[in-house]
Amino acid sequence: MPRSLDPHVAVSDAAERVTTSESLQAFLKHDLVCSRKRSVPFWVGNGTVAPTKARLSAANKRENETMPTTQNGTVRIAAQRPALRVVGEAVAPPRRQHNSARRPREYLTPAEVEMLITAARKRGRYGHRDATMILVAYRHGLRVGELCALTWDQVDFGQGLLHVARLKHGVPSVHPLGGEELRALRRLRREQPEGRHLFQTERDAPMTPAGFRKTLARIGEASALGFPVHPHMLRHACGFKLANDGQDTRGLQHYLDHRNIQHTVRYTELAADRFKGFWPD
């Protein structure tokens, strides 16, 4: 009987093939994988290839070290270079500073008001007009709009009175005029006989609030004051001066035309007379 037809041989060959197949599968699962772990290049398991996140971070680090950036000092910050703009394009105005950064306080002392008046008299052809505007605004605590709107029919030279018309729906009042004010107003009336407004420009037009703000700012720069001034500081100077003189708070409220008395109390809170006698020497 041929060997190929022998049933015992066929069973033995089949068993041998099964054993060989099982050995091959075990080799593929263990030995080949183990060899690949040690010999196959570019694989994460054997340390030849870094993870994707690590590769990206390393590449970004190399790029930051070599590429021109602001971190390694090869590129200047854009804010330090002059900004380019298109010709004819509107330019945004600079950001306005806080009042506390520009000046130490929002009111003037009587000595500082006198410094402004003295500097105004020495400045330009309209020095007397500017000095009179400062004096009247300070003495009567006028807002800049109320000051520029004054007319000659509001001035009573015979009785020495000033009829004040208030803004912001305020209550009109009558203030007495001092001798210095009357002399200054009479001289101003002689120098500008035309027009119904007290304070006029060289074109015989009423002085505008914006014009007086600019004029007062230039006077402040020409004076010995070390900080910029604006017209409303004269109104505050009036309130603090009268409060320091011991004037009644309710009367001061009506004199300055404050609708709420809390706006007047801030002047009396800073009055130095409140603490007089605390430390008698």
Protein backbone atom coordinates (compact mmCIF):
# COMPACT_ATOMS: atom_id res chain seq x y z
CA MET A 1 0.00 0.00 0.00
CA PRO A 2 1.39 3.38 -0.92
CA ARG A 3 2.42 5.75 1.96
CA SER A 4 -0.02 8.41 0.86
CA LEU A 5 -2.93 6.00 1.19
CA ASP A 6 -1.95 4.79 4.65
CA PRO A 7 -4.51 6.16 7.13
CA HIS A 8 -2.02 6.23 10.02
CA VAL A 9 0.39 8.36 7.99
CA ALA A 10 -2.40 10.77 7.00
CA VAL A 11 -3.40 11.26 10.64
CA SER A 12 0.22 11.83 11.63
CA ASP A 13 0.76 14.41 8.86
CA ALA A 14 -2.42 16.27 9.88
CA ALA A 15 -1.31 16.35 13.50
CA GLU A 16 2.13 17.64 12.47
CA ARG A 17 0.57 20.39 10.36
CA VAL A 18 -1.60 21.47 13.34
CA THR A 19 1.45 21.60 15.61
CA THR A 20 3.41 23.60 13.04
CA SER A 21 0.50 26.02 12.63
CA GLU A 22 0.21 26.51 16.39
CA SER A 23 3.95 27.14 16.68
CA LEU A 24 3.84 29.67 13.85
CA GLN A 25 0.97 31.52 15.45
CA ALA A 26 2.78 31.61 18.80
CA PHE A 27 5.89 32.95 17.03
CA LEU A 28 3.91 35.62 15.27
CA LYS A 29 2.16 36.67 18.51
CA HIS A 30 5.19 36.73 20.83
CA ASP A 31 8.61 36.31 19.26
CA LEU A 32 8.04 38.49 16.21
CA VAL A 33 6.30 41.19 18.27
CA CYS A 34 9.12 41.13 20.82
CA SER A 35 11.68 41.44 18.07
CA ARG A 36 9.78 44.34 16.55
CA LYS A 37 9.70 46.12 19.88
CA ARG A 38 13.50 46.09 19.89
CA SER A 39 14.34 46.37 16.20
CA VAL A 40 11.49 48.04 14.26
CA PRO A 41 12.38 51.79 13.81
CA PHE A 42 10.02 54.75 14.10
CA TRP A 43 7.69 53.35 16.73
CA VAL A 44 6.48 54.86 19.99
CA GLY A 45 6.83 51.67 21.98
CA ASN A 46 10.63 51.36 21.64
CA GLY A 47 11.30 55.10 22.11
CA THR A 48 12.39 55.75 18.53
CA VAL A 49 9.42 57.99 17.81
CA ALA A 50 8.04 60.65 20.19
CA PRO A 51 4.29 61.07 20.70
CA THR A 52 2.46 63.52 18.46
CA LYS A 53 1.92 66.07 21.26
CA ALA A 54 5.58 65.97 22.24
CA ARG A 55 6.69 66.37 18.62
CA LEU A 56 4.42 69.40 18.15
CA SER A 57 5.60 71.05 21.36
CA ALA A 58 9.25 70.49 20.43
CA ALA A 59 8.64 71.85 16.94
CA ASN A 60 6.90 74.93 18.35
CA LYS A 61 9.79 75.49 20.77
CA ARG A 62 12.35 75.31 17.95
CA GLU A 63 10.21 77.66 15.87
CA ASN A 64 9.96 80.19 18.72
CA GLU A 65 13.73 80.11 19.14
CA THR A 66 14.53 80.57 15.45
CA MET A 67 11.64 82.49 13.92
CA PRO A 68 11.43 86.32 14.36
CA THR A 69 9.14 86.98 17.33
CA THR A 70 8.69 89.53 20.10
CA GLN A 71 9.66 86.92 22.72
CA ASN A 72 13.24 86.40 21.55
CA GLY A 73 13.80 90.11 20.92
CA THR A 74 14.08 89.91 17.12
CA VAL A 75 10.85 91.86 16.54
CA ARG A 76 9.88 95.13 18.25
CA ILE A 77 6.47 95.59 19.84
CA ALA A 78 4.04 97.29 17.51
CA ALA A 79 3.13 99.94 20.09
CA GLN A 80 6.73 101.23 20.04
CA ARG A 81 6.66 101.88 16.31
CA PRO A 82 4.74 104.77 14.73
CA ALA A 83 1.43 103.53 13.45
CA LEU A 84 0.93 103.78 9.70
CA ARG A 85 -2.26 105.29 8.41
CA VAL A 86 -3.76 106.07 5.04
CA VAL A 87 -3.51 109.69 3.94
CA GLY A 88 -6.84 111.39 4.54
CA GLU A 89 -7.98 108.84 7.11
CA ALA A 90 -9.47 110.26 10.32
CA VAL A 91 -7.17 110.00 13.33
CA ALA A 92 -8.66 109.14 16.72
CA PRO A 93 -7.98 111.75 19.42
CA PRO A 94 -5.69 110.77 22.31
CA ARG A 95 -7.33 109.32 25.39
CA ARG A 96 -8.16 111.96 27.97
CA GLN A 97 -6.36 111.78 31.30
CA HIS A 98 -8.19 111.70 34.60
CA ASN A 99 -8.42 115.00 36.45
CA SER A 100 -6.52 113.54 39.40
CA ALA A 101 -3.56 112.84 37.09
CA ARG A 102 -3.55 116.36 35.65
CA ARG A 103 -4.05 118.55 38.73
CA PRO A 104 -3.84 118.11 42.52
CA ARG A 105 -7.35 119.48 43.22
CA GLU A 106 -10.43 120.89 41.48
CA TYR A 107 -10.54 124.31 43.13
CA LEU A 108 -8.30 127.36 43.49
CA THR A 109 -7.27 129.30 46.56
CA PRO A 110 -7.80 133.09 46.73
CA ALA A 111 -4.07 133.62 46.22
CA GLU A 112 -4.11 131.47 43.06
CA VAL A 113 -7.09 133.41 41.70
CA GLU A 114 -5.15 136.65 42.22
CA MET A 115 -2.23 135.10 40.34
CA LEU A 116 -4.53 134.36 37.39
CA ILE A 117 -5.95 137.89 37.40
CA THR A 118 -2.45 139.40 37.48
CA ALA A 119 -1.27 137.14 34.64
CA ALA A 120 -4.38 138.00 32.58
CA ARG A 121 -3.79 141.76 32.88
CA LYS A 122 -0.30 141.40 31.43
CA ARG A 123 -1.37 139.25 28.51
CA GLY A 124 -2.37 140.65 25.11
CA ARG A 125 -4.68 143.46 24.04
CA TYR A 126 -7.67 142.07 25.93
CA GLY A 127 -5.99 141.60 29.27
CA HIS A 128 -8.50 143.76 31.14
CA ARG A 129 -11.46 141.86 29.67
CA ASP A 130 -9.96 138.50 30.60
CA ALA A 131 -9.07 139.66 34.12
CA THR A 132 -12.63 140.99 34.61
CA MET A 133 -14.13 137.68 33.47
CA ILE A 134 -12.02 135.80 36.01
CA LEU A 135 -12.97 138.25 38.76
CA VAL A 136 -16.72 138.15 38.07
CA ALA A 137 -16.81 134.35 37.70
CA TYR A 138 -14.93 133.95 40.97
CA ARG A 139 -16.88 136.49 43.02
CA HIS A 140 -20.32 135.18 41.99
CA GLY A 141 -19.62 131.47 41.44
CA LEU A 142 -20.87 131.59 37.85
CA ARG A 143 -20.89 128.71 35.44
CA VAL A 144 -19.02 129.40 32.22
CA GLY A 145 -22.29 129.59 30.25
CA GLU A 146 -23.78 132.06 32.73
CA LEU A 147 -20.64 134.20 32.57
CA CYS A 148 -20.60 134.45 28.79
CA ALA A 149 -24.35 135.21 28.66
CA LEU A 150 -24.14 138.30 30.91
CA THR A 151 -25.53 141.49 29.35
CA TRP A 152 -25.26 145.14 30.37
CA ASP A 153 -28.90 145.35 31.38
CA GLN A 154 -28.13 142.82 34.14
CA VAL A 155 -25.66 145.27 35.73
CA ASP A 156 -27.07 148.03 37.97
CA PHE A 157 -24.27 150.54 38.40
CA GLY A 158 -26.42 152.88 40.52
CA GLN A 159 -27.30 150.26 43.15
CA GLY A 160 -24.19 148.14 42.67
CA LEU A 161 -26.13 144.96 41.86
CA LEU A 162 -25.79 142.11 39.41
CA HIS A 163 -28.92 140.26 38.27
CA VAL A 164 -27.79 136.67 37.75
CA ALA A 165 -29.76 134.44 35.37
CA ARG A 166 -28.97 130.82 36.20
CA LEU A 167 -28.74 127.86 33.83
CA LYS A 168 -29.98 124.30 34.46
CA HIS A 169 -33.45 125.61 35.37
CA GLY A 170 -31.96 127.45 38.33
CA VAL A 171 -33.47 130.22 40.41
CA PRO A 172 -32.46 133.77 39.34
CA SER A 173 -30.85 135.86 42.07
CA VAL A 174 -29.41 139.33 42.71
CA HIS A 175 -25.81 139.61 43.92
CA PRO A 176 -24.10 142.72 45.27
CA LEU A 177 -21.16 144.08 43.30
CA GLY A 178 -17.98 145.12 45.10
CA GLY A 179 -15.97 148.23 44.41
CA GLU A 180 -13.26 146.37 42.48
CA GLU A 181 -15.89 144.80 40.22
CA LEU A 182 -17.68 148.11 39.58
CA ARG A 183 -14.45 149.86 38.60
CA ALA A 184 -13.48 147.01 36.28
CA LEU A 185 -16.91 146.93 34.64
CA ARG A 186 -17.00 150.71 34.12
CA ARG A 187 -13.61 150.61 32.40
CA LEU A 188 -14.77 147.67 30.28
CA ARG A 189 -17.88 149.63 29.29
CA ARG A 190 -15.75 152.58 28.15
CA GLU A 191 -13.43 150.38 26.10
CA GLN A 192 -16.26 148.58 24.26
CA PRO A 193 -19.26 150.89 23.89
CA GLU A 194 -20.87 148.68 21.22
CA GLY A 195 -22.82 145.50 21.92
CA ARG A 196 -25.14 144.30 24.66
CA HIS A 197 -22.93 141.56 26.13
CA LEU A 198 -20.37 142.30 28.81
CA PHE A 199 -17.60 140.18 27.34
CA GLN A 200 -17.08 140.29 23.58
CA THR A 201 -14.44 139.14 21.16
CA GLU A 202 -12.48 141.35 18.78
CA ARG A 203 -15.22 140.79 16.20
CA ASP A 204 -17.86 142.28 18.53
CA ALA A 205 -19.41 138.84 19.08
CA PRO A 206 -20.19 137.41 22.53
CA MET A 207 -17.44 135.35 24.12
CA THR A 208 -18.27 131.66 23.88
CA PRO A 209 -17.74 129.12 26.67
CA ALA A 210 -15.22 127.23 24.53
CA GLY A 211 -13.34 130.45 23.82
CA PHE A 212 -13.09 131.32 27.52
CA ARG A 213 -11.92 127.79 28.37
CA LYS A 214 -9.04 128.13 25.92
CA THR A 215 -8.25 131.66 27.07
CA LEU A 216 -8.18 130.63 30.74
CA ALA A 217 -5.99 127.62 29.93
CA ARG A 218 -3.44 129.90 28.23
CA ILE A 219 -3.55 132.32 31.16
CA GLY A 220 -2.90 129.42 33.54
CA GLU A 221 0.12 128.36 31.48
CA ALA A 222 1.47 131.92 31.55
CA SER A 223 1.01 132.18 35.32
CA ALA A 224 3.09 130.56 38.05
CA LEU A 225 0.55 127.76 38.57
CA GLY A 226 2.00 124.34 37.99
CA PHE A 227 -1.21 122.66 36.80
CA PRO A 228 -3.84 123.31 34.10
CA VAL A 229 -6.99 125.23 35.04
CA HIS A 230 -10.54 125.36 33.68
CA PRO A 231 -13.44 127.81 34.30
CA HIS A 232 -15.39 125.60 36.72
CA MET A 233 -12.49 125.76 39.15
CA LEU A 234 -13.42 129.43 39.71
CA ARG A 235 -16.90 128.37 40.80
CA HIS A 236 -15.43 125.85 43.23
CA ALA A 237 -13.00 128.50 44.47
CA CYS A 238 -15.95 130.75 45.30
CA GLY A 239 -17.68 128.00 47.26
CA PHE A 240 -14.61 127.11 49.31
CA LYS A 241 -13.78 130.77 49.97
CA LEU A 242 -17.27 131.56 51.34
CA ALA A 243 -17.37 128.32 53.33
CA ASN A 244 -14.02 129.12 54.94
CA ASP A 245 -15.36 132.58 55.80
CA GLY A 246 -18.07 130.89 57.88
CA GLN A 247 -21.04 131.70 55.64
CA ASP A 248 -24.31 129.86 56.27
CA THR A 249 -24.64 126.64 54.31
CA ARG A 250 -28.24 127.36 53.28
CA GLY A 251 -27.34 130.86 52.11
CA LEU A 252 -24.34 129.49 50.23
CA GLN A 253 -26.63 126.98 48.52
CA HIS A 254 -28.83 129.78 47.14
CA TYR A 255 -25.83 131.94 46.25
CA LEU A 256 -24.35 129.16 44.08
CA ASP A 257 -27.76 127.92 42.89
CA HIS A 258 -27.40 124.34 44.09
CA ARG A 259 -30.63 122.39 43.82
CA ASN A 260 -29.37 119.76 46.28
CA ILE A 261 -27.73 120.96 49.48
CA GLN A 262 -25.39 117.94 49.41
CA HIS A 263 -23.50 119.73 46.62
CA THR A 264 -22.94 122.64 49.01
CA VAL A 265 -21.96 120.53 52.00
CA ARG A 266 -18.76 119.40 50.27
CA TYR A 267 -17.46 122.98 50.54
CA THR A 268 -18.12 123.12 54.28
CA GLU A 269 -16.58 119.66 54.81
CA LEU A 270 -13.20 120.98 53.71
CA ALA A 271 -13.45 124.25 55.64
CA ALA A 272 -10.47 124.60 57.98
CA ASP A 273 -12.50 126.58 60.56
CA ARG A 274 -14.30 123.40 61.61
CA PHE A 275 -11.14 122.23 63.38
CA LYS A 276 -10.09 125.55 64.86
CA GLY A 277 -9.32 125.19 68.56
CA PHE A 278 -8.73 121.44 68.48
CA TRP A 279 -5.10 121.98 69.59
CA PRO A 280 -4.86 125.26 71.52
CA ASP A 281 -1.29 126.49 71.94
